[in-house]
Amino acid sequence: MSLSPEERMRRARFVRLHLIVALFALLVLIAANALFTSRYPWWLWVLAAWLPLIAIHKAWSMGLFERNELDRNKEGS
């Protein structure tokens, strides 16, 4: 199944919003880390947890999780 250009653009907007929220949250967490516990960079754990989520969201926006019409025809036969 191929995504329409409008659907690709809509999904890309969601990914960009996700990335902007993640970057803003990380900036706040890095600042909090620097103020309170600068010896241990605990914000890296948040980064390590959030990056795979953004990668999965990007793959979804590209249509990588969509089922092909050929797969659907095989199941129906």
PDB file of N, CA and C in Angstrom:
ATOM      1  N   MET A   1       0.844  -1.173   0.000  1.00  0.00           N
ATOM      2  CA  MET A   1       0.000   0.000   0.000  1.00  0.00           C
ATOM      3  C   MET A   1       0.889   1.236   0.000  1.00  0.00           C
ATOM      4  N   SER A   2       0.687   2.084  -0.942  1.00  0.00           N
ATOM      5  CA  SER A   2       1.479   3.298  -1.067  1.00  0.00           C
ATOM      6  C   SER A   2       0.742   4.454  -0.404  1.00  0.00           C
ATOM      7  N   LEU A   3       1.485   5.276   0.290  1.00  0.00           N
ATOM      8  CA  LEU A   3       0.877   6.429   0.949  1.00  0.00           C
ATOM      9  C   LEU A   3       0.713   7.571  -0.033  1.00  0.00           C
ATOM     10  N   SER A   4      -0.369   8.297   0.119  1.00  0.00           N
ATOM     11  CA  SER A   4      -0.572   9.474  -0.729  1.00  0.00           C
ATOM     12  C   SER A   4       0.380  10.578  -0.265  1.00  0.00           C
ATOM     13  N   PRO A   5       0.694  11.517  -1.136  1.00  0.00           N
ATOM     14  CA  PRO A   5       1.579  12.621  -0.731  1.00  0.00           C
ATOM     15  C   PRO A   5       1.024  13.423   0.447  1.00  0.00           C
ATOM     16  N   GLU A   6      -0.300  13.577   0.493  1.00  0.00           N
ATOM     17  CA  GLU A   6      -0.903  14.313   1.620  1.00  0.00           C
ATOM     18  C   GLU A   6      -0.710  13.567   2.936  1.00  0.00           C
ATOM     19  N   GLU A   7      -0.872  12.243   2.881  1.00  0.00           N
ATOM     20  CA  GLU A   7      -0.683  11.432   4.092  1.00  0.00           C
ATOM     21  C   GLU A   7       0.778  11.456   4.538  1.00  0.00           C
ATOM     22  N   ARG A   8       1.696  11.400   3.596  1.00  0.00           N
ATOM     23  CA  ARG A   8       3.121  11.491   3.947  1.00  0.00           C
ATOM     24  C   ARG A   8       3.436  12.817   4.622  1.00  0.00           C
ATOM     25  N   MET A   9       2.878  13.903   4.091  1.00  0.00           N
ATOM     26  CA  MET A   9       3.120  15.227   4.673  1.00  0.00           C
ATOM     27  C   MET A   9       2.514  15.326   6.069  1.00  0.00           C
ATOM     28  N   ARG A  10       1.322  14.781   6.249  1.00  0.00           N
ATOM     29  CA  ARG A  10       0.669  14.806   7.564  1.00  0.00           C
ATOM     30  C   ARG A  10       1.501  14.026   8.579  1.00  0.00           C
ATOM     31  N   ARG A  11       1.958  12.857   8.179  1.00  0.00           N
ATOM     32  CA  ARG A  11       2.773  12.045   9.083  1.00  0.00           C
ATOM     33  C   ARG A  11       4.115  12.713   9.368  1.00  0.00           C
ATOM     34  N   ALA A  12       4.702  13.350   8.370  1.00  0.00           N
ATOM     35  CA  ALA A  12       5.983  14.034   8.567  1.00  0.00           C
ATOM     36  C   ALA A  12       5.828  15.181   9.566  1.00  0.00           C
ATOM     37  N   ARG A  13       4.681  15.876   9.529  1.00  0.00           N
ATOM     38  CA  ARG A  13       4.439  16.948  10.510  1.00  0.00           C
ATOM     39  C   ARG A  13       4.416  16.391  11.931  1.00  0.00           C
ATOM     40  N   PHE A  14       3.779  15.225  12.116  1.00  0.00           N
ATOM     41  CA  PHE A  14       3.744  14.609  13.442  1.00  0.00           C
ATOM     42  C   PHE A  14       5.148  14.242  13.922  1.00  0.00           C
ATOM     43  N   VAL A  15       5.974  13.749  13.031  1.00  0.00           N
ATOM     44  CA  VAL A  15       7.343  13.386  13.405  1.00  0.00           C
ATOM     45  C   VAL A  15       8.137  14.636  13.770  1.00  0.00           C
ATOM     46  N   ARG A  16       7.982  15.699  12.988  1.00  0.00           N
ATOM     47  CA  ARG A  16       8.682  16.951  13.316  1.00  0.00           C
ATOM     48  C   ARG A  16       8.247  17.484  14.668  1.00  0.00           C
ATOM     49  N   LEU A  17       6.946  17.440  14.956  1.00  0.00           N
ATOM     50  CA  LEU A  17       6.453  17.882  16.262  1.00  0.00           C
ATOM     51  C   LEU A  17       7.042  17.019  17.378  1.00  0.00           C
ATOM     52  N   HIS A  18       7.089  15.715  17.168  1.00  0.00           N
ATOM     53  CA  HIS A  18       7.673  14.795  18.145  1.00  0.00           C
ATOM     54  C   HIS A  18       9.142  15.149  18.401  1.00  0.00           C
ATOM     55  N   LEU A  19       9.874  15.429  17.331  1.00  0.00           N
ATOM     56  CA  LEU A  19      11.286  15.771  17.454  1.00  0.00           C
ATOM     57  C   LEU A  19      11.474  17.106  18.179  1.00  0.00           C
ATOM     58  N   ILE A  20      10.644  18.087  17.878  1.00  0.00           N
ATOM     59  CA  ILE A  20      10.742  19.392  18.542  1.00  0.00           C
ATOM     60  C   ILE A  20      10.442  19.264  20.032  1.00  0.00           C
ATOM     61  N   VAL A  21       9.410  18.509  20.370  1.00  0.00           N
ATOM     62  CA  VAL A  21       9.083  18.299  21.787  1.00  0.00           C
ATOM     63  C   VAL A  21      10.226  17.578  22.501  1.00  0.00           C
ATOM     64  N   ALA A  22      10.793  16.574  21.841  1.00  0.00           N
ATOM     65  CA  ALA A  22      11.899  15.820  22.442  1.00  0.00           C
ATOM     66  C   ALA A  22      13.112  16.724  22.678  1.00  0.00           C
ATOM     67  N   LEU A  23      13.449  17.537  21.695  1.00  0.00           N
ATOM     68  CA  LEU A  23      14.605  18.423  21.849  1.00  0.00           C
ATOM     69  C   LEU A  23      14.382  19.457  22.945  1.00  0.00           C
ATOM     70  N   PHE A  24      13.179  20.026  23.001  1.00  0.00           N
ATOM     71  CA  PHE A  24      12.880  21.000  24.042  1.00  0.00           C
ATOM     72  C   PHE A  24      12.937  20.349  25.424  1.00  0.00           C
ATOM     73  N   ALA A  25      12.349  19.166  25.546  1.00  0.00           N
ATOM     74  CA  ALA A  25      12.376  18.459  26.832  1.00  0.00           C
ATOM     75  C   ALA A  25      13.810  18.135  27.238  1.00  0.00           C
ATOM     76  N   LEU A  26      14.627  17.710  26.284  1.00  0.00           N
ATOM     77  CA  LEU A  26      16.024  17.400  26.603  1.00  0.00           C
ATOM     78  C   LEU A  26      16.793  18.654  27.016  1.00  0.00           C
ATOM     79  N   LEU A  27      16.518  19.783  26.376  1.00  0.00           N
ATOM     80  CA  LEU A  27      17.185  21.022  26.786  1.00  0.00           C
ATOM     81  C   LEU A  27      16.834  21.376  28.229  1.00  0.00           C
ATOM     82  N   VAL A  28      15.574  21.205  28.582  1.00  0.00           N
ATOM     83  CA  VAL A  28      15.155  21.479  29.963  1.00  0.00           C
ATOM     84  C   VAL A  28      15.822  20.498  30.920  1.00  0.00           C
ATOM     85  N   LEU A  29      15.864  19.232  30.545  1.00  0.00           N
ATOM     86  CA  LEU A  29      16.482  18.231  31.418  1.00  0.00           C
ATOM     87  C   LEU A  29      17.991  18.427  31.548  1.00  0.00           C
ATOM     88  N   ILE A  30      18.641  18.837  30.474  1.00  0.00           N
ATOM     89  CA  ILE A  30      20.081  19.098  30.542  1.00  0.00           C
ATOM     90  C   ILE A  30      20.351  20.272  31.471  1.00  0.00           C
ATOM     91  N   ALA A  31      19.521  21.308  31.382  1.00  0.00           N
ATOM     92  CA  ALA A  31      19.681  22.460  32.280  1.00  0.00           C
ATOM     93  C   ALA A  31      19.444  22.053  33.734  1.00  0.00           C
ATOM     94  N   ALA A  32      18.408  21.251  33.975  1.00  0.00           N
ATOM     95  CA  ALA A  32      18.134  20.787  35.338  1.00  0.00           C
ATOM     96  C   ALA A  32      19.277  19.916  35.850  1.00  0.00           C
ATOM     97  N   ASN A  33      19.811  19.086  34.980  1.00  0.00           N
ATOM     98  CA  ASN A  33      20.938  18.244  35.355  1.00  0.00           C
ATOM     99  C   ASN A  33      22.153  19.090  35.715  1.00  0.00           C
ATOM    100  N   ALA A  34      22.408  20.123  34.936  1.00  0.00           N
ATOM    101  CA  ALA A  34      23.556  20.991  35.200  1.00  0.00           C
ATOM    102  C   ALA A  34      23.395  21.744  36.514  1.00  0.00           C
ATOM    103  N   LEU A  35      22.169  22.105  36.849  1.00  0.00           N
ATOM    104  CA  LEU A  35      21.932  22.861  38.083  1.00  0.00           C
ATOM    105  C   LEU A  35      21.995  21.992  39.333  1.00  0.00           C
ATOM    106  N   PHE A  36      21.462  20.781  39.258  1.00  0.00           N
ATOM    107  CA  PHE A  36      21.294  19.985  40.476  1.00  0.00           C
ATOM    108  C   PHE A  36      22.289  18.849  40.635  1.00  0.00           C
ATOM    109  N   THR A  37      22.565  18.109  39.591  1.00  0.00           N
ATOM    110  CA  THR A  37      23.458  16.946  39.713  1.00  0.00           C
ATOM    111  C   THR A  37      24.399  16.902  38.521  1.00  0.00           C
ATOM    112  N   SER A  38      25.285  17.860  38.438  1.00  0.00           N
ATOM    113  CA  SER A  38      26.130  17.982  37.255  1.00  0.00           C
ATOM    114  C   SER A  38      27.192  16.882  37.140  1.00  0.00           C
ATOM    115  N   ARG A  39      27.420  16.137  38.191  1.00  0.00           N
ATOM    116  CA  ARG A  39      28.453  15.102  38.124  1.00  0.00           C
ATOM    117  C   ARG A  39      27.992  13.858  37.366  1.00  0.00           C
ATOM    118  N   TYR A  40      26.686  13.625  37.327  1.00  0.00           N
ATOM    119  CA  TYR A  40      26.146  12.443  36.651  1.00  0.00           C
ATOM    120  C   TYR A  40      25.171  12.874  35.562  1.00  0.00           C
ATOM    121  N   PRO A  41      25.457  12.585  34.307  1.00  0.00           N
ATOM    122  CA  PRO A  41      24.578  13.022  33.209  1.00  0.00           C
ATOM    123  C   PRO A  41      23.370  12.088  33.019  1.00  0.00           C
ATOM    124  N   TRP A  42      22.411  12.155  33.921  1.00  0.00           N
ATOM    125  CA  TRP A  42      21.252  11.260  33.861  1.00  0.00           C
ATOM    126  C   TRP A  42      20.328  11.553  32.682  1.00  0.00           C
ATOM    127  N   TRP A  43      20.433  12.731  32.092  1.00  0.00           N
ATOM    128  CA  TRP A  43      19.593  13.063  30.934  1.00  0.00           C
ATOM    129  C   TRP A  43      19.903  12.159  29.737  1.00  0.00           C
ATOM    130  N   LEU A  44      21.092  11.522  29.744  1.00  0.00           N
ATOM    131  CA  LEU A  44      21.430  10.594  28.663  1.00  0.00           C
ATOM    132  C   LEU A  44      20.497   9.380  28.635  1.00  0.00           C
ATOM    133  N   TRP A  45      19.980   8.986  29.813  1.00  0.00           N
ATOM    134  CA  TRP A  45      19.034   7.871  29.857  1.00  0.00           C
ATOM    135  C   TRP A  45      17.736   8.245  29.146  1.00  0.00           C
ATOM    136  N   VAL A  46      17.315   9.486  29.320  1.00  0.00           N
ATOM    137  CA  VAL A  46      16.106   9.951  28.629  1.00  0.00           C
ATOM    138  C   VAL A  46      16.358   9.972  27.119  1.00  0.00           C
ATOM    139  N   LEU A  47      17.524  10.451  26.723  1.00  0.00           N
ATOM    140  CA  LEU A  47      17.879  10.482  25.310  1.00  0.00           C
ATOM    141  C   LEU A  47      17.902   9.072  24.726  1.00  0.00           C
ATOM    142  N   ALA A  48      18.498   8.144  25.455  1.00  0.00           N
ATOM    143  CA  ALA A  48      18.591   6.758  24.976  1.00  0.00           C
ATOM    144  C   ALA A  48      17.215   6.105  24.864  1.00  0.00           C
ATOM    145  N   ALA A  49      16.281   6.500  25.713  1.00  0.00           N
ATOM    146  CA  ALA A  49      14.930   5.943  25.644  1.00  0.00           C
ATOM    147  C   ALA A  49      14.102   6.605  24.547  1.00  0.00           C
ATOM    148  N   TRP A  50      14.350   7.884  24.293  1.00  0.00           N
ATOM    149  CA  TRP A  50      13.518   8.629  23.356  1.00  0.00           C
ATOM    150  C   TRP A  50      13.939   8.424  21.893  1.00  0.00           C
ATOM    151  N   LEU A  51      15.215   8.216  21.629  1.00  0.00           N
ATOM    152  CA  LEU A  51      15.684   8.069  20.255  1.00  0.00           C
ATOM    153  C   LEU A  51      15.036   6.898  19.502  1.00  0.00           C
ATOM    154  N   PRO A  52      14.919   5.717  20.098  1.00  0.00           N
ATOM    155  CA  PRO A  52      14.232   4.640  19.367  1.00  0.00           C
ATOM    156  C   PRO A  52      12.767   4.961  19.076  1.00  0.00           C
ATOM    157  N   LEU A  53      12.117   5.686  19.986  1.00  0.00           N
ATOM    158  CA  LEU A  53      10.726   6.071  19.747  1.00  0.00           C
ATOM    159  C   LEU A  53      10.616   6.998  18.542  1.00  0.00           C
ATOM    160  N   ILE A  54      11.552   7.928  18.426  1.00  0.00           N
ATOM    161  CA  ILE A  54      11.543   8.833  17.280  1.00  0.00           C
ATOM    162  C   ILE A  54      11.857   8.055  16.001  1.00  0.00           C
ATOM    163  N   ALA A  55      12.776   7.103  16.072  1.00  0.00           N
ATOM    164  CA  ALA A  55      13.113   6.294  14.896  1.00  0.00           C
ATOM    165  C   ALA A  55      11.908   5.462  14.439  1.00  0.00           C
ATOM    166  N   ILE A  56      11.179   4.881  15.374  1.00  0.00           N
ATOM    167  CA  ILE A  56       9.981   4.114  15.034  1.00  0.00           C
ATOM    168  C   ILE A  56       8.914   5.026  14.444  1.00  0.00           C
ATOM    169  N   HIS A  57       8.771   6.214  15.032  1.00  0.00           N
ATOM    170  CA  HIS A  57       7.800   7.180  14.520  1.00  0.00           C
ATOM    171  C   HIS A  57       8.166   7.599  13.097  1.00  0.00           C
ATOM    172  N   LYS A  58       9.439   7.792  12.820  1.00  0.00           N
ATOM    173  CA  LYS A  58       9.893   8.141  11.471  1.00  0.00           C
ATOM    174  C   LYS A  58       9.610   7.009  10.489  1.00  0.00           C
ATOM    175  N   ALA A  59       9.869   5.775  10.907  1.00  0.00           N
ATOM    176  CA  ALA A  59       9.583   4.627  10.044  1.00  0.00           C
ATOM    177  C   ALA A  59       8.088   4.546   9.733  1.00  0.00           C
ATOM    178  N   TRP A  60       7.245   4.822  10.720  1.00  0.00           N
ATOM    179  CA  TRP A  60       5.799   4.844  10.505  1.00  0.00           C
ATOM    180  C   TRP A  60       5.425   5.924   9.498  1.00  0.00           C
ATOM    181  N   SER A  61       6.056   7.088   9.630  1.00  0.00           N
ATOM    182  CA  SER A  61       5.714   8.192   8.729  1.00  0.00           C
ATOM    183  C   SER A  61       6.129   7.891   7.288  1.00  0.00           C
ATOM    184  N   MET A  62       7.132   7.054   7.120  1.00  0.00           N
ATOM    185  CA  MET A  62       7.572   6.672   5.781  1.00  0.00           C
ATOM    186  C   MET A  62       6.732   5.534   5.212  1.00  0.00           C
ATOM    187  N   GLY A  63       5.863   4.954   6.036  1.00  0.00           N
ATOM    188  CA  GLY A  63       5.007   3.875   5.574  1.00  0.00           C
ATOM    189  C   GLY A  63       5.645   2.509   5.647  1.00  0.00           C
ATOM    190  N   LEU A  64       6.686   2.353   6.439  1.00  0.00           N
ATOM    191  CA  LEU A  64       7.384   1.070   6.510  1.00  0.00           C
ATOM    192  C   LEU A  64       6.582  -0.019   7.226  1.00  0.00           C
ATOM    193  N   PHE A  65       5.572   0.382   7.980  1.00  0.00           N
ATOM    194  CA  PHE A  65       4.755  -0.605   8.683  1.00  0.00           C
ATOM    195  C   PHE A  65       3.459  -0.915   7.949  1.00  0.00           C
ATOM    196  N   GLU A  66       3.271  -0.317   6.792  1.00  0.00           N
ATOM    197  CA  GLU A  66       2.064  -0.558   6.004  1.00  0.00           C
ATOM    198  C   GLU A  66       2.170  -1.920   5.339  1.00  0.00           C
ATOM    199  N   ARG A  67       1.068  -2.602   5.225  1.00  0.00           N
ATOM    200  CA  ARG A  67       1.058  -3.915   4.589  1.00  0.00           C
ATOM    201  C   ARG A  67       0.928  -3.738   3.092  1.00  0.00           C
ATOM    202  N   ASN A  68       1.634  -4.555   2.345  1.00  0.00           N
ATOM    203  CA  ASN A  68       1.552  -4.522   0.888  1.00  0.00           C
ATOM    204  C   ASN A  68       0.262  -5.170   0.414  1.00  0.00           C
ATOM    205  N   GLU A  69      -0.195  -4.766  -0.749  1.00  0.00           N
ATOM    206  CA  GLU A  69      -1.390  -5.373  -1.331  1.00  0.00           C
ATOM    207  C   GLU A  69      -1.133  -6.832  -1.676  1.00  0.00           C
ATOM    208  N   LEU A  70       0.113  -7.177  -2.027  1.00  0.00           N
ATOM    209  CA  LEU A  70       0.438  -8.572  -2.335  1.00  0.00           C
ATOM    210  C   LEU A  70       0.259  -9.450  -1.112  1.00  0.00           C
ATOM    211  N   ASP A  71       0.672  -8.948   0.060  1.00  0.00           N
ATOM    212  CA  ASP A  71       0.505  -9.712   1.296  1.00  0.00           C
ATOM    213  C   ASP A  71      -0.969  -9.921   1.590  1.00  0.00           C
ATOM    214  N   ARG A  72      -1.793  -8.921   1.349  1.00  0.00           N
ATOM    215  CA  ARG A  72      -3.213  -9.018   1.598  1.00  0.00           C
ATOM    216  C   ARG A  72      -3.860 -10.043   0.670  1.00  0.00           C
ATOM    217  N   ASN A  73      -3.419 -10.068  -0.595  1.00  0.00           N
ATOM    218  CA  ASN A  73      -3.969 -11.028  -1.547  1.00  0.00           C
ATOM    219  C   ASN A  73      -3.599 -12.458  -1.185  1.00  0.00           C
ATOM    220  N   LYS A  74      -2.405 -12.670  -0.655  1.00  0.00           N
ATOM    221  CA  LYS A  74      -1.972 -14.002  -0.251  1.00  0.00           C
ATOM    222  C   LYS A  74      -2.828 -14.523   0.892  1.00  0.00           C
ATOM    223  N   GLU A  75      -3.161 -13.628   1.849  1.00  0.00           N
ATOM    224  CA  GLU A  75      -3.964 -14.045   2.990  1.00  0.00           C
ATOM    225  C   GLU A  75      -5.401 -14.353   2.578  1.00  0.00           C
ATOM    226  N   GLY A  76      -5.908 -13.643   1.581  1.00  0.00           N
ATOM    227  CA  GLY A  76      -7.281 -13.846   1.154  1.00  0.00           C
ATOM    228  C   GLY A  76      -7.480 -15.100   0.327  1.00  0.00           C
ATOM    229  N   SER A  77      -6.425 -15.631  -0.260  1.00  0.00           N
ATOM    230  CA  SER A  77      -6.582 -16.818  -1.124  1.00  0.00           C
ATOM    231  C   SER A  77      -6.588 -18.086  -0.328  1.00  0.00           C
TER     232      SER A  77
END
